[in-house]
């Protein structure tokens, strides 16, 4: 319908995942049946490999063009994100206070169910409501936010801003290398 704004490129890219997984399963199945050394079965690895490479390159090229034009409405994104996404952070909070993770997981599962049934977000729960699930909850539980969650993932590949910047620099460098290699091949 004309009023819809489907992210076609993103949907099509997501759809290509099945094809890539299919190629992976194909080679895994071929490799599983092999004895200890090279066999003619290995001739079957090429078709899936080349198809995967072609699919990835074309998908990434188109995806890169999409990203150049994408406009993110951060206000709407924030409104759409419910703070239930912070459940892991709440479990980590309890672990830092000395609770074993298995127990913290159970506490937060019950807390989440309670909040959903009460139609409240975590930030709308009172401290006494939190403490009904564990006495370890204190006022600092309200310091757990989407921003603090993102920042806390400060490991390689994580969501912390400095990690994202590192990943972007690597991607830009790889992009420049591939671009220059492609130009050399064209000559």
N, C-alpha and C. Protein backbone atom coordinates (compact mmCIF):
# COMPACT_ATOMS: atom_id res chain seq x y z
N UNK A 1 0.84 -1.18 0.00
CA UNK A 1 0.00 0.00 0.00
C UNK A 1 0.89 1.25 0.00
N UNK A 2 0.42 2.32 -0.61
CA UNK A 2 1.26 3.52 -0.76
C UNK A 2 1.69 4.17 0.55
N UNK A 3 0.89 4.03 1.60
CA UNK A 3 1.23 4.68 2.86
C UNK A 3 2.33 3.94 3.64
N UNK A 4 2.58 2.69 3.26
CA UNK A 4 3.57 1.90 4.00
C UNK A 4 4.99 2.25 3.55
N UNK A 5 5.88 2.21 4.49
CA UNK A 5 7.28 2.50 4.22
C UNK A 5 8.12 1.32 4.69
N UNK A 6 7.97 0.18 4.02
CA UNK A 6 8.74 -1.00 4.42
C UNK A 6 10.22 -0.81 4.08
N UNK A 7 11.07 -1.25 4.96
CA UNK A 7 12.51 -1.19 4.69
C UNK A 7 12.91 -2.36 3.78
N UNK A 8 12.55 -2.24 2.49
CA UNK A 8 12.75 -3.36 1.57
C UNK A 8 14.17 -3.91 1.56
N UNK A 9 15.15 -3.02 1.50
CA UNK A 9 16.54 -3.49 1.42
C UNK A 9 16.89 -4.30 2.66
N UNK A 10 16.50 -3.80 3.84
CA UNK A 10 16.80 -4.53 5.08
C UNK A 10 16.06 -5.87 5.10
N UNK A 11 14.81 -5.89 4.66
CA UNK A 11 14.05 -7.13 4.64
C UNK A 11 14.67 -8.13 3.68
N UNK A 12 15.07 -7.67 2.51
CA UNK A 12 15.69 -8.57 1.54
C UNK A 12 17.03 -9.10 2.04
N UNK A 13 17.80 -8.22 2.69
CA UNK A 13 19.09 -8.65 3.27
C UNK A 13 18.85 -9.71 4.33
N UNK A 14 17.86 -9.50 5.17
CA UNK A 14 17.52 -10.50 6.19
C UNK A 14 17.13 -11.82 5.53
N UNK A 15 16.41 -11.73 4.43
CA UNK A 15 16.00 -12.93 3.71
C UNK A 15 17.16 -13.72 3.14
N UNK A 16 18.23 -13.04 2.79
CA UNK A 16 19.41 -13.72 2.23
C UNK A 16 20.08 -14.61 3.27
N UNK A 17 19.80 -14.37 4.53
CA UNK A 17 20.42 -15.15 5.60
C UNK A 17 20.11 -16.63 5.44
N UNK A 18 18.88 -16.96 5.07
CA UNK A 18 18.51 -18.36 4.89
C UNK A 18 19.34 -19.05 3.82
N UNK A 19 19.61 -18.32 2.76
CA UNK A 19 20.42 -18.88 1.68
C UNK A 19 21.85 -19.15 2.15
N UNK A 20 22.40 -18.19 2.89
CA UNK A 20 23.77 -18.34 3.41
C UNK A 20 23.83 -19.50 4.40
N UNK A 21 22.84 -19.57 5.29
CA UNK A 21 22.79 -20.69 6.24
C UNK A 21 22.67 -22.02 5.50
N UNK A 22 21.90 -22.04 4.42
CA UNK A 22 21.77 -23.26 3.63
C UNK A 22 23.10 -23.71 3.07
N UNK A 23 23.89 -22.74 2.58
CA UNK A 23 25.23 -23.07 2.08
C UNK A 23 26.12 -23.60 3.20
N UNK A 24 25.99 -23.00 4.37
CA UNK A 24 26.77 -23.47 5.53
C UNK A 24 26.40 -24.91 5.87
N UNK A 25 25.10 -25.18 5.95
CA UNK A 25 24.65 -26.53 6.29
C UNK A 25 25.12 -27.54 5.24
N UNK A 26 25.12 -27.12 4.00
CA UNK A 26 25.58 -27.99 2.92
C UNK A 26 27.04 -28.41 3.12
N UNK A 27 27.91 -27.45 3.39
CA UNK A 27 29.33 -27.79 3.55
C UNK A 27 29.57 -28.56 4.85
N UNK A 28 28.82 -28.21 5.89
CA UNK A 28 28.97 -28.95 7.15
C UNK A 28 28.59 -30.41 6.95
N UNK A 29 27.51 -30.65 6.21
CA UNK A 29 27.07 -32.01 5.94
C UNK A 29 28.10 -32.75 5.10
N UNK A 30 28.66 -32.09 4.10
CA UNK A 30 29.70 -32.71 3.26
C UNK A 30 30.91 -33.06 4.11
N UNK A 31 31.34 -32.14 4.95
CA UNK A 31 32.54 -32.36 5.77
C UNK A 31 32.32 -33.47 6.79
N UNK A 32 31.10 -33.58 7.30
CA UNK A 32 30.80 -34.59 8.31
C UNK A 32 31.02 -36.00 7.76
N UNK A 33 30.72 -36.19 6.48
CA UNK A 33 30.81 -37.52 5.90
C UNK A 33 32.21 -37.90 5.44
N UNK A 34 33.16 -36.99 5.58
CA UNK A 34 34.51 -37.28 5.08
C UNK A 34 35.33 -38.10 6.07
N UNK A 35 36.14 -39.02 5.53
CA UNK A 35 37.11 -39.68 6.42
C UNK A 35 38.26 -38.72 6.71
N UNK A 36 39.44 -39.21 6.93
CA UNK A 36 40.54 -38.39 7.43
C UNK A 36 41.23 -37.49 6.41
N UNK A 37 41.09 -37.72 5.14
CA UNK A 37 41.86 -36.94 4.17
C UNK A 37 40.95 -36.34 3.11
N UNK A 38 41.58 -35.64 2.15
CA UNK A 38 40.83 -35.02 1.06
C UNK A 38 40.15 -36.10 0.24
N UNK A 39 38.94 -35.82 -0.16
CA UNK A 39 38.19 -36.71 -1.04
C UNK A 39 37.52 -35.86 -2.10
N UNK A 40 37.04 -36.51 -3.12
CA UNK A 40 36.39 -35.79 -4.22
C UNK A 40 35.13 -35.07 -3.75
N UNK A 41 34.59 -35.50 -2.62
CA UNK A 41 33.41 -34.82 -2.08
C UNK A 41 33.67 -33.32 -1.93
N UNK A 42 34.93 -32.98 -1.69
CA UNK A 42 35.28 -31.58 -1.44
C UNK A 42 35.04 -30.69 -2.65
N UNK A 43 34.82 -31.27 -3.82
CA UNK A 43 34.49 -30.46 -4.98
C UNK A 43 33.17 -29.73 -4.76
N UNK A 44 32.36 -30.25 -3.87
CA UNK A 44 31.05 -29.66 -3.59
C UNK A 44 31.12 -28.39 -2.75
N UNK A 45 32.30 -28.06 -2.26
CA UNK A 45 32.40 -26.86 -1.41
C UNK A 45 32.42 -25.57 -2.22
N UNK A 46 32.79 -25.63 -3.48
CA UNK A 46 32.98 -24.41 -4.27
C UNK A 46 31.68 -23.68 -4.58
N UNK A 47 30.67 -24.40 -5.01
CA UNK A 47 29.43 -23.74 -5.42
C UNK A 47 28.84 -22.92 -4.29
N UNK A 48 28.73 -23.50 -3.09
CA UNK A 48 28.19 -22.79 -1.94
C UNK A 48 29.06 -21.62 -1.52
N UNK A 49 30.38 -21.82 -1.58
CA UNK A 49 31.31 -20.76 -1.20
C UNK A 49 31.17 -19.56 -2.13
N UNK A 50 31.20 -19.81 -3.43
CA UNK A 50 31.10 -18.71 -4.38
C UNK A 50 29.74 -18.03 -4.31
N UNK A 51 28.69 -18.82 -4.14
CA UNK A 51 27.36 -18.23 -4.00
C UNK A 51 27.29 -17.36 -2.75
N UNK A 52 27.87 -17.84 -1.65
CA UNK A 52 27.88 -17.07 -0.40
C UNK A 52 28.65 -15.76 -0.58
N UNK A 53 29.82 -15.83 -1.19
CA UNK A 53 30.62 -14.62 -1.40
C UNK A 53 29.88 -13.62 -2.29
N UNK A 54 29.31 -14.09 -3.40
CA UNK A 54 28.56 -13.19 -4.28
C UNK A 54 27.38 -12.56 -3.55
N UNK A 55 26.66 -13.39 -2.79
CA UNK A 55 25.49 -12.90 -2.05
C UNK A 55 25.90 -11.87 -1.01
N UNK A 56 26.96 -12.16 -0.26
CA UNK A 56 27.42 -11.22 0.77
C UNK A 56 27.88 -9.90 0.15
N UNK A 57 28.69 -9.98 -0.88
CA UNK A 57 29.20 -8.75 -1.47
C UNK A 57 28.08 -7.89 -2.03
N UNK A 58 27.17 -8.49 -2.78
CA UNK A 58 26.09 -7.68 -3.36
C UNK A 58 25.16 -7.14 -2.27
N UNK A 59 24.89 -7.95 -1.26
CA UNK A 59 24.02 -7.50 -0.17
C UNK A 59 24.66 -6.37 0.61
N UNK A 60 25.94 -6.50 0.91
CA UNK A 60 26.63 -5.45 1.66
C UNK A 60 26.74 -4.16 0.87
N UNK A 61 26.95 -4.27 -0.44
CA UNK A 61 27.00 -3.06 -1.28
C UNK A 61 25.68 -2.30 -1.21
N UNK A 62 24.59 -3.03 -1.39
CA UNK A 62 23.27 -2.40 -1.38
C UNK A 62 22.94 -1.88 0.02
N UNK A 63 23.31 -2.67 1.04
CA UNK A 63 23.05 -2.27 2.42
C UNK A 63 23.80 -0.98 2.75
N UNK A 64 25.03 -0.86 2.27
CA UNK A 64 25.82 0.36 2.51
C UNK A 64 25.12 1.58 1.90
N UNK A 65 24.54 1.42 0.71
CA UNK A 65 23.81 2.52 0.08
C UNK A 65 22.57 2.87 0.90
N UNK A 66 21.89 1.85 1.43
CA UNK A 66 20.71 2.10 2.26
C UNK A 66 21.10 2.91 3.50
N UNK A 67 22.21 2.52 4.12
CA UNK A 67 22.64 3.20 5.34
C UNK A 67 22.97 4.67 5.10
N UNK A 68 23.39 5.01 3.89
CA UNK A 68 23.69 6.41 3.58
C UNK A 68 22.43 7.27 3.61
N UNK A 69 21.29 6.67 3.34
CA UNK A 69 20.04 7.45 3.24
C UNK A 69 19.10 7.24 4.42
N UNK A 70 19.47 6.38 5.33
CA UNK A 70 18.57 6.06 6.44
C UNK A 70 18.42 7.25 7.38
N UNK A 71 17.21 7.46 7.85
CA UNK A 71 16.95 8.51 8.83
C UNK A 71 16.29 7.84 10.03
N UNK A 72 16.95 7.92 11.17
CA UNK A 72 16.43 7.29 12.39
C UNK A 72 15.72 8.34 13.22
N UNK A 73 14.48 8.06 13.54
CA UNK A 73 13.71 8.95 14.39
C UNK A 73 13.95 8.48 15.84
N UNK A 74 14.96 9.06 16.47
CA UNK A 74 15.37 8.59 17.80
C UNK A 74 14.26 8.72 18.84
N UNK A 75 13.42 9.73 18.68
CA UNK A 75 12.32 9.89 19.63
C UNK A 75 11.38 8.69 19.55
N UNK A 76 11.03 8.28 18.34
CA UNK A 76 10.13 7.14 18.18
C UNK A 76 10.79 5.84 18.63
N UNK A 77 12.08 5.72 18.40
CA UNK A 77 12.79 4.52 18.84
C UNK A 77 12.74 4.43 20.36
N UNK A 78 13.03 5.53 21.02
CA UNK A 78 12.99 5.55 22.49
C UNK A 78 11.60 5.23 23.02
N UNK A 79 10.58 5.75 22.35
CA UNK A 79 9.21 5.47 22.78
C UNK A 79 8.86 3.99 22.59
N UNK A 80 9.39 3.40 21.54
CA UNK A 80 9.07 2.00 21.23
C UNK A 80 9.79 1.02 22.17
N UNK A 81 10.93 1.42 22.68
CA UNK A 81 11.71 0.54 23.56
C UNK A 81 11.12 0.59 24.96
N UNK A 82 10.67 -0.54 25.39
CA UNK A 82 10.20 -0.65 26.77
C UNK A 82 11.41 -1.00 27.63
N UNK A 83 11.40 -0.59 28.87
CA UNK A 83 12.59 -0.85 29.68
C UNK A 83 12.70 -2.29 30.14
N UNK A 84 11.79 -3.15 29.70
CA UNK A 84 11.95 -4.58 30.01
C UNK A 84 13.23 -5.13 29.37
N UNK A 85 13.72 -4.42 28.38
CA UNK A 85 14.96 -4.81 27.73
C UNK A 85 16.13 -4.78 28.72
N UNK A 86 15.91 -4.12 29.85
CA UNK A 86 16.96 -3.99 30.87
C UNK A 86 16.95 -5.13 31.89
N UNK A 87 16.20 -6.17 31.63
CA UNK A 87 16.10 -7.29 32.58
C UNK A 87 17.47 -7.89 32.89
N UNK A 88 18.30 -8.06 31.88
CA UNK A 88 19.63 -8.62 32.11
C UNK A 88 20.45 -7.70 33.00
N UNK A 89 20.30 -6.39 32.80
CA UNK A 89 21.01 -5.43 33.63
C UNK A 89 20.55 -5.53 35.08
N UNK A 90 19.26 -5.76 35.28
CA UNK A 90 18.76 -5.93 36.65
C UNK A 90 19.34 -7.19 37.28
N UNK A 91 19.44 -8.27 36.50
CA UNK A 91 20.04 -9.50 37.02
C UNK A 91 21.52 -9.26 37.35
N UNK A 92 22.22 -8.56 36.47
CA UNK A 92 23.63 -8.23 36.73
C UNK A 92 23.76 -7.37 37.99
N UNK A 93 22.84 -6.46 38.17
CA UNK A 93 22.80 -5.60 39.36
C UNK A 93 22.75 -6.47 40.63
N UNK A 94 21.86 -7.45 40.63
CA UNK A 94 21.73 -8.33 41.80
C UNK A 94 22.99 -9.18 41.99
N UNK A 95 23.59 -9.60 40.90
CA UNK A 95 24.83 -10.39 40.98
C UNK A 95 25.93 -9.55 41.62
N UNK A 96 26.03 -8.28 41.22
CA UNK A 96 27.04 -7.38 41.80
C UNK A 96 26.81 -7.18 43.30
N UNK A 97 25.57 -7.37 43.72
CA UNK A 97 25.25 -7.23 45.15
C UNK A 97 25.44 -8.56 45.90
N UNK A 98 25.91 -9.59 45.19
CA UNK A 98 26.25 -10.84 45.85
C UNK A 98 25.31 -12.02 45.59
N UNK A 99 24.28 -11.82 44.81
CA UNK A 99 23.33 -12.91 44.53
C UNK A 99 23.86 -13.78 43.39
N UNK A 100 23.78 -15.10 43.50
CA UNK A 100 24.18 -15.96 42.38
C UNK A 100 23.32 -15.68 41.15
N UNK A 101 23.91 -15.80 39.97
CA UNK A 101 23.19 -15.43 38.76
C UNK A 101 21.90 -16.23 38.59
N UNK A 102 21.95 -17.52 38.85
CA UNK A 102 20.75 -18.35 38.69
C UNK A 102 19.58 -17.79 39.51
N UNK A 103 19.88 -17.39 40.72
CA UNK A 103 18.85 -16.83 41.60
C UNK A 103 18.42 -15.45 41.09
N UNK A 104 19.39 -14.64 40.65
CA UNK A 104 19.08 -13.31 40.13
C UNK A 104 18.18 -13.42 38.89
N UNK A 105 18.47 -14.37 38.05
CA UNK A 105 17.66 -14.61 36.86
C UNK A 105 16.21 -14.90 37.26
N UNK A 106 16.05 -15.76 38.24
CA UNK A 106 14.70 -16.12 38.70
C UNK A 106 13.97 -14.91 39.30
N UNK A 107 14.67 -14.13 40.11
CA UNK A 107 14.08 -12.94 40.72
C UNK A 107 13.62 -11.97 39.64
N UNK A 108 14.45 -11.72 38.66
CA UNK A 108 14.12 -10.76 37.61
C UNK A 108 13.00 -11.30 36.71
N UNK A 109 12.96 -12.60 36.51
CA UNK A 109 11.85 -13.19 35.73
C UNK A 109 10.52 -12.92 36.43
N UNK A 110 10.50 -13.12 37.74
CA UNK A 110 9.27 -12.87 38.51
C UNK A 110 8.95 -11.37 38.55
N UNK A 111 9.97 -10.55 38.70
CA UNK A 111 9.79 -9.10 38.71
C UNK A 111 9.23 -8.63 37.36
N UNK A 112 9.77 -9.16 36.27
CA UNK A 112 9.30 -8.80 34.93
C UNK A 112 7.84 -9.18 34.75
N UNK A 113 7.50 -10.38 35.15
CA UNK A 113 6.11 -10.84 35.04
C UNK A 113 5.18 -9.92 35.84
N UNK A 114 5.62 -9.56 37.03
CA UNK A 114 4.83 -8.66 37.88
C UNK A 114 4.63 -7.31 37.20
N UNK A 115 5.73 -6.74 36.67
CA UNK A 115 5.66 -5.42 36.04
C UNK A 115 4.74 -5.45 34.81
N UNK A 116 4.86 -6.49 34.02
CA UNK A 116 4.02 -6.60 32.82
C UNK A 116 2.54 -6.72 33.22
N UNK A 117 2.27 -7.56 34.20
CA UNK A 117 0.88 -7.73 34.65
C UNK A 117 0.32 -6.44 35.27
N UNK A 118 1.19 -5.68 35.93
CA UNK A 118 0.76 -4.41 36.53
C UNK A 118 0.75 -3.27 35.51
N UNK A 119 1.18 -3.60 34.27
CA UNK A 119 1.28 -2.61 33.19
C UNK A 119 2.15 -1.43 33.60
N UNK A 120 3.28 -1.76 34.21
CA UNK A 120 4.26 -0.76 34.63
C UNK A 120 5.61 -1.09 34.01
N UNK A 121 6.38 -0.06 33.75
CA UNK A 121 7.76 -0.28 33.34
C UNK A 121 8.58 -0.47 34.61
N UNK A 122 9.82 -0.91 34.47
CA UNK A 122 10.68 -1.08 35.64
C UNK A 122 10.84 0.24 36.39
N UNK A 123 10.97 1.33 35.65
CA UNK A 123 11.17 2.64 36.30
C UNK A 123 9.92 3.15 37.00
N UNK A 124 8.79 2.57 36.67
CA UNK A 124 7.55 2.97 37.34
C UNK A 124 7.29 2.18 38.62
N UNK A 125 8.07 1.13 38.83
CA UNK A 125 7.92 0.35 40.05
C UNK A 125 8.50 1.12 41.24
N UNK A 126 7.84 1.02 42.37
CA UNK A 126 8.37 1.66 43.58
C UNK A 126 9.48 0.79 44.15
N UNK A 127 10.28 1.40 45.01
CA UNK A 127 11.36 0.64 45.65
C UNK A 127 10.78 -0.50 46.48
N UNK A 128 9.65 -0.27 47.13
CA UNK A 128 9.04 -1.35 47.93
C UNK A 128 8.58 -2.50 47.03
N UNK A 129 8.11 -2.17 45.80
CA UNK A 129 7.75 -3.24 44.87
C UNK A 129 8.98 -4.05 44.48
N UNK A 130 10.08 -3.36 44.22
CA UNK A 130 11.33 -4.06 43.93
C UNK A 130 11.72 -4.96 45.11
N UNK A 131 11.64 -4.41 46.30
CA UNK A 131 12.09 -5.16 47.49
C UNK A 131 11.19 -6.34 47.82
N UNK A 132 9.97 -6.36 47.28
CA UNK A 132 9.12 -7.55 47.43
C UNK A 132 9.76 -8.76 46.76
N UNK A 133 10.67 -8.50 45.82
CA UNK A 133 11.32 -9.59 45.09
C UNK A 133 12.72 -9.86 45.60
N UNK A 134 13.38 -8.84 46.16
CA UNK A 134 14.70 -9.05 46.76
C UNK A 134 15.05 -7.84 47.64
N UNK A 135 15.56 -8.10 48.84
CA UNK A 135 15.98 -6.99 49.71
C UNK A 135 17.26 -6.31 49.20
N UNK A 136 17.90 -6.89 48.21
CA UNK A 136 19.13 -6.30 47.66
C UNK A 136 18.86 -5.06 46.81
N UNK A 137 17.64 -4.89 46.38
CA UNK A 137 17.32 -3.71 45.58
C UNK A 137 17.39 -2.47 46.46
N UNK A 138 18.05 -1.44 45.94
CA UNK A 138 18.17 -0.16 46.63
C UNK A 138 17.87 0.96 45.64
N UNK A 139 17.94 2.20 46.11
CA UNK A 139 17.60 3.34 45.24
C UNK A 139 18.43 3.38 43.96
N UNK A 140 19.65 2.85 44.03
CA UNK A 140 20.51 2.89 42.85
C UNK A 140 20.00 2.02 41.70
N UNK A 141 18.96 1.23 41.93
CA UNK A 141 18.38 0.44 40.85
C UNK A 141 17.82 1.35 39.77
N UNK A 142 17.43 2.57 40.16
CA UNK A 142 16.89 3.52 39.19
C UNK A 142 17.98 4.14 38.31
N UNK A 143 19.24 3.85 38.63
CA UNK A 143 20.35 4.31 37.78
C UNK A 143 20.51 3.43 36.54
N UNK A 144 19.80 2.31 36.51
CA UNK A 144 19.87 1.42 35.36
C UNK A 144 18.95 1.98 34.27
N UNK A 145 19.58 2.42 33.19
CA UNK A 145 18.85 3.01 32.07
C UNK A 145 19.34 2.39 30.78
N UNK A 146 18.66 2.69 29.71
CA UNK A 146 19.11 2.20 28.41
C UNK A 146 20.53 2.70 28.13
N UNK A 147 20.79 3.97 28.47
CA UNK A 147 22.12 4.54 28.24
C UNK A 147 23.18 3.82 29.07
N UNK A 148 22.87 3.58 30.35
CA UNK A 148 23.87 2.90 31.20
C UNK A 148 24.09 1.47 30.72
N UNK A 149 23.06 0.84 30.19
CA UNK A 149 23.18 -0.51 29.66
C UNK A 149 24.11 -0.53 28.46
N UNK A 150 23.91 0.41 27.55
CA UNK A 150 24.74 0.48 26.35
C UNK A 150 26.20 0.73 26.73
N UNK A 151 26.43 1.67 27.62
CA UNK A 151 27.78 2.03 28.04
C UNK A 151 28.47 0.86 28.77
N UNK A 152 27.70 0.08 29.49
CA UNK A 152 28.30 -1.01 30.29
C UNK A 152 28.85 -2.14 29.43
N UNK A 153 28.46 -2.21 28.16
CA UNK A 153 28.94 -3.28 27.27
C UNK A 153 30.25 -2.83 26.62
N UNK A 154 31.24 -2.55 27.44
CA UNK A 154 32.52 -2.02 26.97
C UNK A 154 33.52 -3.15 26.78
N UNK A 155 33.23 -4.00 25.82
CA UNK A 155 34.12 -5.10 25.45
C UNK A 155 34.21 -5.11 23.92
N UNK A 156 35.26 -5.71 23.35
CA UNK A 156 35.34 -5.74 21.88
C UNK A 156 34.06 -6.30 21.27
N UNK A 157 33.50 -5.52 20.34
CA UNK A 157 32.24 -5.92 19.72
C UNK A 157 31.02 -5.47 20.49
N UNK A 158 31.22 -4.82 21.64
CA UNK A 158 30.12 -4.37 22.48
C UNK A 158 29.47 -3.09 21.99
N UNK A 159 28.46 -2.64 22.73
CA UNK A 159 27.67 -1.48 22.33
C UNK A 159 28.17 -0.15 22.90
N UNK A 160 29.16 -0.19 23.78
CA UNK A 160 29.68 1.06 24.34
C UNK A 160 30.16 1.97 23.20
N UNK A 161 29.91 3.27 23.33
CA UNK A 161 30.27 4.18 22.23
C UNK A 161 31.71 4.04 21.74
N UNK A 162 32.66 3.87 22.64
CA UNK A 162 34.05 3.74 22.18
C UNK A 162 34.26 2.43 21.40
N UNK A 163 33.54 1.36 21.75
CA UNK A 163 33.64 0.10 21.01
C UNK A 163 33.01 0.23 19.63
N UNK A 164 31.91 0.96 19.56
CA UNK A 164 31.26 1.19 18.27
C UNK A 164 32.19 2.00 17.38
N UNK A 165 32.85 2.99 17.95
CA UNK A 165 33.79 3.81 17.18
C UNK A 165 34.95 2.96 16.65
N UNK A 166 35.47 2.06 17.47
CA UNK A 166 36.55 1.16 17.03
C UNK A 166 36.06 0.31 15.86
N UNK A 167 34.86 -0.25 15.99
CA UNK A 167 34.30 -1.09 14.93
C UNK A 167 34.09 -0.30 13.65
N UNK A 168 33.62 0.94 13.79
CA UNK A 168 33.41 1.79 12.60
C UNK A 168 34.74 2.10 11.91
N UNK A 169 35.76 2.38 12.70
CA UNK A 169 37.08 2.66 12.11
C UNK A 169 37.59 1.44 11.34
N UNK A 170 37.43 0.25 11.93
CA UNK A 170 37.86 -0.98 11.24
C UNK A 170 37.08 -1.17 9.95
N UNK A 171 35.77 -0.95 10.02
CA UNK A 171 34.93 -1.12 8.83
C UNK A 171 35.32 -0.13 7.74
N UNK A 172 35.57 1.12 8.13
CA UNK A 172 35.97 2.13 7.14
C UNK A 172 37.31 1.76 6.50
N UNK A 173 38.22 1.28 7.34
CA UNK A 173 39.54 0.89 6.82
C UNK A 173 39.39 -0.28 5.85
N UNK A 174 38.61 -1.29 6.23
CA UNK A 174 38.38 -2.43 5.34
C UNK A 174 37.71 -1.99 4.05
N UNK A 175 36.79 -1.08 4.16
CA UNK A 175 36.09 -0.58 2.98
C UNK A 175 37.06 0.11 2.03
N UNK A 176 37.97 0.91 2.58
CA UNK A 176 38.97 1.60 1.74
C UNK A 176 39.90 0.58 1.09
N UNK A 177 40.30 -0.44 1.84
CA UNK A 177 41.20 -1.47 1.29
C UNK A 177 40.50 -2.21 0.15
N UNK A 178 39.27 -2.64 0.38
CA UNK A 178 38.54 -3.37 -0.65
C UNK A 178 38.31 -2.49 -1.87
N UNK A 179 37.99 -1.23 -1.64
CA UNK A 179 37.75 -0.30 -2.74
C UNK A 179 39.00 -0.13 -3.58
N UNK A 180 40.16 0.02 -2.94
CA UNK A 180 41.40 0.19 -3.69
C UNK A 180 41.79 -1.10 -4.42
N UNK A 181 41.51 -2.25 -3.81
CA UNK A 181 41.80 -3.52 -4.48
C UNK A 181 40.90 -3.72 -5.70
N UNK A 182 39.66 -3.29 -5.58
CA UNK A 182 38.73 -3.40 -6.70
C UNK A 182 39.16 -2.51 -7.85
N UNK A 183 39.63 -1.31 -7.52
CA UNK A 183 40.11 -0.40 -8.57
C UNK A 183 41.31 -0.99 -9.30
N UNK A 184 42.22 -1.65 -8.56
CA UNK A 184 43.38 -2.29 -9.19
C UNK A 184 42.95 -3.41 -10.12
N UNK A 185 41.92 -4.18 -9.71
CA UNK A 185 41.45 -5.29 -10.55
C UNK A 185 40.82 -4.77 -11.83
N UNK A 186 40.16 -3.61 -11.76
CA UNK A 186 39.51 -3.04 -12.93
C UNK A 186 40.53 -2.58 -13.97
N UNK A 187 41.74 -2.24 -13.54
CA UNK A 187 42.78 -1.75 -14.47
C UNK A 187 43.36 -2.89 -15.18
